[in-house]
Amino acid sequence: MFTDTELPDGTWANILAVAERAARAVNVVVVAPVVDTRFYVETIQAGAFDFIVPPLNAADLAHVVRCAGDNVLSRRAAQRRPAQSA
C-alpha cells in the first residue's frame, strides 16, 4: 500500500494504524514530496516499510514493490505457521 504524506482526510500515520490492525500483514510505503531524514526515521519507526521521494524511475519503483511484496508474503507465511512451544 502506498500513502502520500499529505492526505485531505487523514495522515500517513492513520494509514499505518489501519494496516497494523489488518487481519493479514500489509506493508505501507510512505511517499513524501521532499527528502527529510528526520521524517524518514519517524515513518520507519512508526512501522512504514519504506519511504520514497518522487520522481522514481520504473526500475526503482519496481524494486520497492518487489521488496515490499516479498516481505509481506514472508510475514503472512509466518502468521500461518502454528506457534512453536518453547
N, C-alpha and C. Protein backbone atom coordinates (compact mmCIF):
# COMPACT_ATOMS: atom_id res chain seq x y z
N MET A 1 0.85 -1.15 0.00
CA MET A 1 0.00 0.00 0.00
C MET A 1 0.91 1.23 0.00
N PHE A 2 0.56 2.21 -0.82
CA PHE A 2 1.29 3.47 -0.86
C PHE A 2 0.40 4.56 -0.26
N THR A 3 1.01 5.46 0.49
CA THR A 3 0.28 6.61 1.00
C THR A 3 1.14 7.86 0.87
N ASP A 4 0.50 8.93 0.55
CA ASP A 4 1.17 10.23 0.50
C ASP A 4 1.26 10.78 1.91
N THR A 5 2.17 11.69 2.12
CA THR A 5 2.27 12.32 3.44
C THR A 5 1.15 13.32 3.67
N GLU A 6 0.64 13.88 2.59
CA GLU A 6 -0.43 14.89 2.67
C GLU A 6 -1.72 14.28 2.13
N LEU A 7 -2.67 14.04 3.02
CA LEU A 7 -3.96 13.48 2.63
C LEU A 7 -5.06 14.45 3.02
N PRO A 8 -6.12 14.55 2.21
CA PRO A 8 -7.19 15.50 2.53
C PRO A 8 -8.02 15.11 3.74
N ASP A 9 -8.04 13.82 4.08
CA ASP A 9 -8.92 13.37 5.15
C ASP A 9 -8.22 12.53 6.22
N GLY A 10 -6.93 12.70 6.37
CA GLY A 10 -6.20 11.93 7.37
C GLY A 10 -4.70 12.13 7.22
N THR A 11 -3.95 11.23 7.81
CA THR A 11 -2.50 11.32 7.75
C THR A 11 -1.91 9.97 7.38
N TRP A 12 -0.64 10.01 7.03
CA TRP A 12 0.06 8.75 6.76
C TRP A 12 0.03 7.87 8.00
N ALA A 13 0.07 8.46 9.18
CA ALA A 13 0.04 7.68 10.42
C ALA A 13 -1.30 6.95 10.58
N ASN A 14 -2.40 7.57 10.12
CA ASN A 14 -3.70 6.89 10.13
C ASN A 14 -3.65 5.64 9.26
N ILE A 15 -3.02 5.75 8.11
CA ILE A 15 -2.91 4.62 7.19
C ILE A 15 -2.10 3.50 7.84
N LEU A 16 -0.99 3.85 8.50
CA LEU A 16 -0.19 2.84 9.20
C LEU A 16 -1.02 2.14 10.28
N ALA A 17 -1.82 2.89 10.99
CA ALA A 17 -2.66 2.31 12.05
C ALA A 17 -3.66 1.32 11.47
N VAL A 18 -4.26 1.66 10.34
CA VAL A 18 -5.21 0.75 9.69
C VAL A 18 -4.47 -0.52 9.24
N ALA A 19 -3.30 -0.36 8.66
CA ALA A 19 -2.51 -1.51 8.19
C ALA A 19 -2.13 -2.42 9.36
N GLU A 20 -1.79 -1.85 10.49
CA GLU A 20 -1.41 -2.64 11.66
C GLU A 20 -2.58 -3.46 12.20
N ARG A 21 -3.80 -2.96 12.02
CA ARG A 21 -4.99 -3.67 12.51
C ARG A 21 -5.51 -4.69 11.51
N ALA A 22 -4.96 -4.73 10.32
CA ALA A 22 -5.44 -5.64 9.28
C ALA A 22 -5.26 -7.09 9.72
N ALA A 23 -6.17 -7.94 9.30
CA ALA A 23 -6.11 -9.35 9.65
C ALA A 23 -4.86 -10.03 9.07
N ARG A 24 -4.42 -9.55 7.92
CA ARG A 24 -3.22 -10.09 7.28
C ARG A 24 -2.19 -8.98 7.16
N ALA A 25 -0.92 -9.38 7.15
CA ALA A 25 0.18 -8.42 7.07
C ALA A 25 0.05 -7.53 5.83
N VAL A 26 0.27 -6.25 6.02
CA VAL A 26 0.23 -5.25 4.94
C VAL A 26 1.45 -4.34 5.11
N ASN A 27 2.15 -4.08 4.02
CA ASN A 27 3.26 -3.13 4.06
C ASN A 27 2.79 -1.78 3.54
N VAL A 28 3.27 -0.72 4.16
CA VAL A 28 2.92 0.63 3.75
C VAL A 28 4.20 1.36 3.34
N VAL A 29 4.16 1.95 2.16
CA VAL A 29 5.25 2.78 1.65
C VAL A 29 4.77 4.23 1.69
N VAL A 30 5.49 5.08 2.40
CA VAL A 30 5.14 6.49 2.52
C VAL A 30 5.83 7.26 1.40
N VAL A 31 5.04 8.06 0.67
CA VAL A 31 5.56 8.87 -0.43
C VAL A 31 5.59 10.32 0.03
N ALA A 32 6.79 10.90 0.04
CA ALA A 32 6.97 12.27 0.54
C ALA A 32 7.39 13.20 -0.60
N PRO A 33 7.04 14.48 -0.50
CA PRO A 33 7.39 15.42 -1.56
C PRO A 33 8.86 15.83 -1.56
N VAL A 34 9.53 15.72 -0.41
CA VAL A 34 10.93 16.12 -0.30
C VAL A 34 11.68 15.16 0.61
N VAL A 35 12.99 15.11 0.45
CA VAL A 35 13.83 14.30 1.32
C VAL A 35 13.90 14.99 2.69
N ASP A 36 13.60 14.23 3.73
CA ASP A 36 13.64 14.74 5.10
C ASP A 36 14.06 13.58 6.00
N THR A 37 15.31 13.60 6.43
CA THR A 37 15.86 12.49 7.20
C THR A 37 15.10 12.23 8.49
N ARG A 38 14.76 13.27 9.20
CA ARG A 38 14.01 13.09 10.46
C ARG A 38 12.65 12.46 10.20
N PHE A 39 11.98 12.93 9.16
CA PHE A 39 10.66 12.39 8.82
C PHE A 39 10.80 10.94 8.36
N TYR A 40 11.86 10.64 7.61
CA TYR A 40 12.13 9.26 7.19
C TYR A 40 12.23 8.36 8.43
N VAL A 41 13.04 8.76 9.38
CA VAL A 41 13.23 7.96 10.60
C VAL A 41 11.90 7.81 11.34
N GLU A 42 11.13 8.88 11.41
CA GLU A 42 9.83 8.83 12.09
C GLU A 42 8.90 7.81 11.44
N THR A 43 8.82 7.83 10.12
CA THR A 43 7.91 6.91 9.44
C THR A 43 8.34 5.46 9.59
N ILE A 44 9.64 5.20 9.48
CA ILE A 44 10.14 3.83 9.62
C ILE A 44 9.93 3.33 11.05
N GLN A 45 10.21 4.17 12.03
CA GLN A 45 9.99 3.78 13.42
C GLN A 45 8.51 3.56 13.71
N ALA A 46 7.65 4.25 13.00
CA ALA A 46 6.20 4.08 13.19
C ALA A 46 5.66 2.83 12.51
N GLY A 47 6.50 2.18 11.68
CA GLY A 47 6.07 0.93 11.06
C GLY A 47 5.98 0.93 9.55
N ALA A 48 6.33 2.03 8.90
CA ALA A 48 6.31 2.04 7.43
C ALA A 48 7.37 1.08 6.90
N PHE A 49 7.07 0.43 5.78
CA PHE A 49 8.05 -0.46 5.16
C PHE A 49 9.15 0.33 4.48
N ASP A 50 8.77 1.44 3.84
CA ASP A 50 9.75 2.25 3.13
C ASP A 50 9.24 3.67 3.03
N PHE A 51 10.12 4.55 2.62
CA PHE A 51 9.86 5.98 2.48
C PHE A 51 10.51 6.39 1.17
N ILE A 52 9.71 6.88 0.23
CA ILE A 52 10.25 7.23 -1.08
C ILE A 52 9.90 8.67 -1.44
N VAL A 53 10.73 9.24 -2.30
CA VAL A 53 10.53 10.61 -2.77
C VAL A 53 10.55 10.60 -4.29
N PRO A 54 9.46 11.00 -4.94
CA PRO A 54 9.45 11.08 -6.40
C PRO A 54 10.39 12.18 -6.88
N PRO A 55 10.82 12.15 -8.11
CA PRO A 55 10.42 11.14 -9.09
C PRO A 55 11.26 9.87 -8.94
N LEU A 56 10.64 8.75 -9.20
CA LEU A 56 11.33 7.46 -9.21
C LEU A 56 11.30 6.93 -10.63
N ASN A 57 12.39 6.31 -11.04
CA ASN A 57 12.34 5.67 -12.35
C ASN A 57 11.64 4.32 -12.18
N ALA A 58 11.24 3.74 -13.29
CA ALA A 58 10.46 2.50 -13.26
C ALA A 58 11.20 1.37 -12.54
N ALA A 59 12.51 1.27 -12.74
CA ALA A 59 13.28 0.20 -12.10
C ALA A 59 13.30 0.35 -10.59
N ASP A 60 13.47 1.57 -10.10
CA ASP A 60 13.48 1.80 -8.65
C ASP A 60 12.12 1.51 -8.03
N LEU A 61 11.06 1.94 -8.70
CA LEU A 61 9.72 1.68 -8.19
C LEU A 61 9.43 0.18 -8.19
N ALA A 62 9.83 -0.51 -9.25
CA ALA A 62 9.64 -1.96 -9.32
C ALA A 62 10.38 -2.65 -8.18
N HIS A 63 11.57 -2.17 -7.86
CA HIS A 63 12.35 -2.74 -6.76
C HIS A 63 11.63 -2.58 -5.42
N VAL A 64 11.09 -1.40 -5.17
CA VAL A 64 10.35 -1.15 -3.93
C VAL A 64 9.14 -2.07 -3.84
N VAL A 65 8.40 -2.19 -4.93
CA VAL A 65 7.20 -3.04 -4.95
C VAL A 65 7.59 -4.50 -4.74
N ARG A 66 8.63 -4.95 -5.42
CA ARG A 66 9.08 -6.34 -5.29
C ARG A 66 9.53 -6.64 -3.85
N CYS A 67 10.31 -5.76 -3.26
CA CYS A 67 10.78 -5.97 -1.88
C CYS A 67 9.61 -5.97 -0.89
N ALA A 68 8.69 -5.05 -1.06
CA ALA A 68 7.52 -4.99 -0.18
C ALA A 68 6.67 -6.25 -0.33
N GLY A 69 6.50 -6.69 -1.57
CA GLY A 69 5.73 -7.91 -1.82
C GLY A 69 6.39 -9.14 -1.22
N ASP A 70 7.69 -9.29 -1.43
CA ASP A 70 8.42 -10.43 -0.85
C ASP A 70 8.32 -10.42 0.67
N ASN A 71 8.48 -9.24 1.26
CA ASN A 71 8.43 -9.12 2.71
C ASN A 71 7.06 -9.48 3.26
N VAL A 72 6.01 -8.98 2.63
CA VAL A 72 4.67 -9.25 3.15
C VAL A 72 4.30 -10.72 2.97
N LEU A 73 4.75 -11.35 1.89
CA LEU A 73 4.49 -12.78 1.72
C LEU A 73 5.19 -13.59 2.81
N SER A 74 6.40 -13.22 3.17
CA SER A 74 7.12 -13.90 4.26
C SER A 74 6.41 -13.70 5.59
N ARG A 75 5.95 -12.48 5.83
CA ARG A 75 5.24 -12.20 7.09
C ARG A 75 3.93 -12.96 7.16
N ARG A 76 3.22 -13.05 6.04
CA ARG A 76 1.95 -13.79 6.04
C ARG A 76 2.19 -15.28 6.24
N ALA A 77 3.25 -15.82 5.65
CA ALA A 77 3.58 -17.23 5.85
C ALA A 77 3.88 -17.49 7.32
N ALA A 78 4.59 -16.57 7.96
CA ALA A 78 4.91 -16.71 9.38
C ALA A 78 3.64 -16.65 10.23
N GLN A 79 2.67 -15.84 9.82
CA GLN A 79 1.40 -15.75 10.56
C GLN A 79 0.62 -17.06 10.48
N ARG A 80 0.78 -17.79 9.37
CA ARG A 80 0.04 -19.05 9.18
C ARG A 80 0.66 -20.20 9.96
N ARG A 81 1.96 -20.12 10.26
CA ARG A 81 2.64 -21.20 10.99
C ARG A 81 2.15 -21.24 12.43
N PRO A 82 1.89 -22.44 12.91
CA PRO A 82 1.50 -22.53 14.33
C PRO A 82 2.67 -22.12 15.22
N ALA A 83 2.34 -21.52 16.33
CA ALA A 83 3.38 -21.09 17.28
C ALA A 83 4.08 -22.33 17.82
N GLN A 84 5.40 -22.27 17.86
CA GLN A 84 6.17 -23.39 18.40
C GLN A 84 6.32 -23.20 19.90
N SER A 85 6.13 -24.30 20.62
CA SER A 85 6.27 -24.19 22.08
C SER A 85 7.74 -24.18 22.45
N ALA A 86 8.04 -23.44 23.51
CA ALA A 86 9.43 -23.27 23.94
C ALA A 86 9.90 -24.43 24.76
